[in-house]
Amino acid sequence: MTNDKYLEDIKEIKSLMNKSTRFISLSGMSGIMAGVYALIGSVIGHFIIQNAYEKGYRDTVNTLFETPWAQNPSLQIVAVATGVMFMAVITAFFLTRSKAKKYKQKVWTKQSLRLIANFMAPLSIGAVFTLVLLQYNLLGLVAPAMLVFYGLACMNAAQFTLGTVKYLGLSCAILGLINTQFIGYGLYFWAAGFGLCHIIYGAVMYYKYDR
């Protein structure tokens, strides 16, 4: 009986320590929805690229804001990617806020701010690096770079939230590195990383922490 009580005390202490050092209100469902948005965006991107090749619309990156919208697949893909990111962020915010309210926790805490800071640092560097790739018209490396830096951002932020995020980041980073050896298939790797991986790890987080 004493041993059981001792183990319960240890678990309680561990739980309190996790709550004081980690932002545990991150919603698994938001990961699932982000993956769904990414897959929808990938399908739209596929049709944009297919249409561009059929009609001969190519290399509009260097004239991104000068080419008309209907003949500008690069700008269309940028718009789709921006829409996916916007929907994912908004969904994550509202679902996370709902989960935090359910467990009587605050969204904006020292832990959540540390999480955001550690996530945004590698991601911001990756965004600048991706713009440089676009500057030099290295389009084949854009999707791998996005996956690698996003993966690094997740791994860097994982210490301040649920441990599952670390494995999501590792999976995306590995997919990005593999993609560097299969230039031209970036959209499929992008769908696998931002789409399928998010759905899988989001489902794991949901069933493990949210129910």
Protein backbone atom coordinates (compact mmCIF):
# COMPACT_ATOMS: atom_id res chain seq x y z
CA MET A 1 0.00 0.00 0.00
CA THR A 2 2.85 2.35 0.89
CA ASN A 3 4.59 1.56 -2.39
CA ASP A 4 1.42 2.33 -4.37
CA LYS A 5 1.06 5.69 -2.64
CA TYR A 6 4.72 6.42 -3.27
CA LEU A 7 4.31 5.71 -6.99
CA GLU A 8 1.22 7.90 -7.15
CA ASP A 9 3.15 10.75 -5.51
CA ILE A 10 5.97 10.35 -8.01
CA LYS A 11 3.52 10.48 -10.92
CA GLU A 12 1.87 13.59 -9.48
CA ILE A 13 5.23 15.32 -9.04
CA LYS A 14 6.22 14.39 -12.61
CA SER A 15 2.91 15.73 -13.92
CA LEU A 16 3.37 19.03 -12.09
CA MET A 17 6.92 19.37 -13.41
CA ASN A 18 5.74 18.77 -16.97
CA LYS A 19 3.02 21.39 -16.61
CA SER A 20 5.52 23.91 -15.27
CA THR A 21 8.08 23.41 -18.07
CA ARG A 22 6.00 22.34 -21.09
CA PHE A 23 3.04 23.75 -22.97
CA ILE A 24 0.81 20.66 -22.96
CA SER A 25 -2.36 22.25 -24.38
CA LEU A 26 -1.20 21.82 -27.98
CA SER A 27 -4.11 20.19 -29.81
CA GLY A 28 -3.62 16.93 -31.68
CA MET A 29 -6.70 17.66 -33.78
CA SER A 30 -5.00 20.83 -35.06
CA GLY A 31 -2.22 18.63 -36.42
CA ILE A 32 -4.75 16.43 -38.19
CA MET A 33 -6.47 19.44 -39.73
CA ALA A 34 -3.14 20.96 -40.81
CA GLY A 35 -2.39 17.70 -42.60
CA VAL A 36 -5.78 17.72 -44.31
CA TYR A 37 -5.25 21.32 -45.46
CA ALA A 38 -1.78 20.41 -46.77
CA LEU A 39 -3.14 17.46 -48.76
CA ILE A 40 -5.88 19.63 -50.27
CA GLY A 41 -3.25 22.25 -51.12
CA SER A 42 -1.06 19.57 -52.70
CA VAL A 43 -3.91 18.39 -54.93
CA ILE A 44 -4.62 21.98 -56.02
CA GLY A 45 -0.89 22.50 -56.62
CA HIS A 46 -0.78 19.37 -58.79
CA PHE A 47 -3.55 20.68 -61.03
CA ILE A 48 -1.89 24.11 -61.22
CA ILE A 49 1.40 22.57 -62.36
CA GLN A 50 -0.34 20.20 -64.78
CA ASN A 51 -2.28 23.07 -66.32
CA ALA A 52 0.89 25.18 -66.59
CA TYR A 53 2.74 22.46 -68.51
CA GLU A 54 -0.19 21.83 -70.83
CA LYS A 55 -0.48 25.52 -71.72
CA GLY A 56 3.26 26.25 -71.70
CA TYR A 57 3.29 28.59 -68.68
CA ARG A 58 6.77 28.15 -67.18
CA ASP A 59 9.40 29.94 -65.11
CA THR A 60 7.27 32.77 -63.70
CA VAL A 61 9.34 33.03 -60.50
CA ASN A 62 11.58 35.76 -61.89
CA THR A 63 8.52 37.76 -62.99
CA LEU A 64 6.29 36.76 -60.08
CA PHE A 65 4.38 40.05 -59.81
CA GLU A 66 4.54 41.00 -63.49
CA THR A 67 2.92 37.96 -65.14
CA PRO A 68 -0.91 37.91 -65.25
CA TRP A 69 -2.55 35.68 -62.62
CA ALA A 70 -4.04 33.22 -65.15
CA GLN A 71 -0.58 32.60 -66.68
CA ASN A 72 1.35 32.65 -63.40
CA PRO A 73 1.55 29.16 -61.79
CA SER A 74 4.24 30.27 -59.33
CA LEU A 75 2.04 33.01 -57.88
CA GLN A 76 -0.92 30.62 -57.78
CA ILE A 77 1.11 28.06 -55.80
CA VAL A 78 2.37 30.78 -53.43
CA ALA A 79 -1.27 31.80 -52.86
CA VAL A 80 -2.30 28.19 -52.16
CA ALA A 81 0.63 27.65 -49.75
CA THR A 82 -0.21 30.91 -47.95
CA GLY A 83 -3.84 29.83 -47.66
CA VAL A 84 -2.85 26.43 -46.26
CA MET A 85 -0.55 28.04 -43.70
CA PHE A 86 -3.20 30.61 -42.70
CA MET A 87 -5.88 27.95 -42.21
CA ALA A 88 -3.49 25.72 -40.25
CA VAL A 89 -2.44 28.54 -37.90
CA ILE A 90 -6.00 29.75 -37.30
CA THR A 91 -7.26 26.21 -36.68
CA ALA A 92 -4.35 25.46 -34.34
CA PHE A 93 -5.02 28.61 -32.33
CA PHE A 94 -8.73 28.00 -31.80
CA LEU A 95 -8.41 24.26 -31.08
CA THR A 96 -5.50 24.82 -28.72
CA ARG A 97 -7.39 27.60 -26.93
CA SER A 98 -10.37 25.28 -26.60
CA LYS A 99 -8.21 22.50 -25.14
CA ALA A 100 -6.52 24.93 -22.73
CA LYS A 101 -9.92 26.18 -21.57
CA LYS A 102 -11.08 22.60 -21.04
CA TYR A 103 -8.13 21.89 -18.75
CA LYS A 104 -8.33 25.37 -17.15
CA GLN A 105 -4.96 26.45 -18.51
CA LYS A 106 -3.83 29.69 -20.13
CA VAL A 107 -2.75 29.83 -23.78
CA TRP A 108 -0.22 32.65 -23.37
CA THR A 109 2.27 31.48 -20.78
CA LYS A 110 6.06 31.47 -20.45
CA GLN A 111 6.02 27.92 -21.79
CA SER A 112 3.94 28.76 -24.88
CA LEU A 113 6.09 31.81 -25.63
CA ARG A 114 9.25 29.70 -25.35
CA LEU A 115 7.61 27.15 -27.65
CA ILE A 116 6.83 29.81 -30.26
CA ALA A 117 10.30 31.40 -30.01
CA ASN A 118 12.12 28.09 -30.40
CA PHE A 119 9.85 27.09 -33.28
CA MET A 120 10.10 30.38 -35.16
CA ALA A 121 13.89 30.75 -34.99
CA PRO A 122 14.79 27.82 -37.32
CA LEU A 123 11.63 28.39 -39.36
CA SER A 124 12.50 32.05 -40.02
CA ILE A 125 16.02 31.11 -41.10
CA GLY A 126 14.52 28.48 -43.38
CA ALA A 127 12.12 31.03 -44.89
CA VAL A 128 15.00 33.36 -45.77
CA PHE A 129 17.01 30.45 -47.18
CA THR A 130 14.02 29.41 -49.32
CA LEU A 131 13.75 32.95 -50.71
CA VAL A 132 17.44 32.76 -51.65
CA LEU A 133 16.76 29.49 -53.49
CA LEU A 134 13.96 31.24 -55.38
CA GLN A 135 16.29 34.17 -56.09
CA TYR A 136 18.72 31.83 -57.85
CA ASN A 137 15.89 29.87 -59.48
CA LEU A 138 16.78 26.64 -57.63
CA LEU A 139 13.16 25.53 -57.59
CA GLY A 140 13.93 21.85 -57.10
CA LEU A 141 15.39 22.52 -53.65
CA VAL A 142 12.51 24.62 -52.33
CA ALA A 143 10.32 21.73 -51.11
CA PRO A 144 13.27 19.86 -49.51
CA ALA A 145 14.41 23.04 -47.75
CA MET A 146 10.92 23.71 -46.41
CA LEU A 147 10.66 20.18 -45.03
CA VAL A 148 14.13 20.17 -43.47
CA PHE A 149 13.80 23.54 -41.75
CA TYR A 150 10.25 22.82 -40.61
CA GLY A 151 11.48 19.54 -39.17
CA LEU A 152 14.33 21.31 -37.36
CA ALA A 153 11.85 23.87 -36.01
CA CYS A 154 9.61 21.11 -34.61
CA MET A 155 12.55 19.29 -33.02
CA ASN A 156 13.83 22.53 -31.51
CA ALA A 157 10.42 23.36 -30.02
CA ALA A 158 9.60 19.83 -28.85
CA GLN A 159 11.36 20.33 -25.50
CA PHE A 160 8.66 22.85 -24.58
CA THR A 161 5.63 20.79 -25.57
CA LEU A 162 4.47 17.23 -26.22
CA GLY A 163 7.27 14.80 -27.09
CA THR A 164 5.44 13.55 -30.19
CA VAL A 165 6.32 16.82 -31.95
CA LYS A 166 9.98 15.77 -31.97
CA TYR A 167 9.19 12.70 -34.06
CA LEU A 168 7.01 14.73 -36.41
CA GLY A 169 9.96 17.05 -36.98
CA LEU A 170 12.39 14.19 -37.48
CA SER A 171 10.09 12.57 -40.05
CA CYS A 172 9.73 15.83 -42.02
CA ALA A 173 13.47 16.50 -41.95
CA ILE A 174 14.29 13.00 -43.20
CA LEU A 175 11.72 13.31 -46.00
CA GLY A 176 13.30 16.63 -46.97
CA LEU A 177 16.76 15.09 -47.16
CA ILE A 178 15.48 12.17 -49.26
CA ASN A 179 13.72 14.67 -51.53
CA THR A 180 17.11 16.25 -52.36
CA GLN A 181 17.88 13.04 -54.25
CA PHE A 182 14.60 13.07 -56.14
CA ILE A 183 14.40 16.58 -57.53
CA GLY A 184 11.15 17.16 -59.38
CA TYR A 185 9.03 15.20 -56.93
CA GLY A 186 8.89 17.94 -54.32
CA LEU A 187 5.11 18.22 -54.35
CA TYR A 188 4.74 14.55 -53.40
CA PHE A 189 7.28 14.81 -50.58
CA TRP A 190 5.61 18.04 -49.46
CA ALA A 191 2.28 16.20 -49.32
CA ALA A 192 3.85 13.29 -47.41
CA GLY A 193 5.58 15.55 -44.87
CA PHE A 194 3.11 18.35 -44.28
CA GLY A 195 0.09 16.20 -45.08
CA LEU A 196 0.38 12.56 -44.06
CA CYS A 197 2.91 13.05 -41.24
CA HIS A 198 0.76 15.74 -39.66
CA ILE A 199 -2.31 13.53 -39.83
CA ILE A 200 -0.48 10.52 -38.36
CA TYR A 201 1.24 12.36 -35.52
CA GLY A 202 -1.81 14.55 -34.91
CA ALA A 203 -3.89 11.39 -34.48
CA VAL A 204 -1.31 9.95 -32.07
CA MET A 205 -1.35 13.17 -30.03
CA TYR A 206 -5.15 13.27 -30.04
CA TYR A 207 -5.62 9.70 -28.81
CA LYS A 208 -2.78 9.95 -26.33
CA TYR A 209 -3.36 13.40 -24.81
CA ASP A 210 -6.69 14.92 -25.90
CA ARG A 211 -9.32 12.29 -25.13
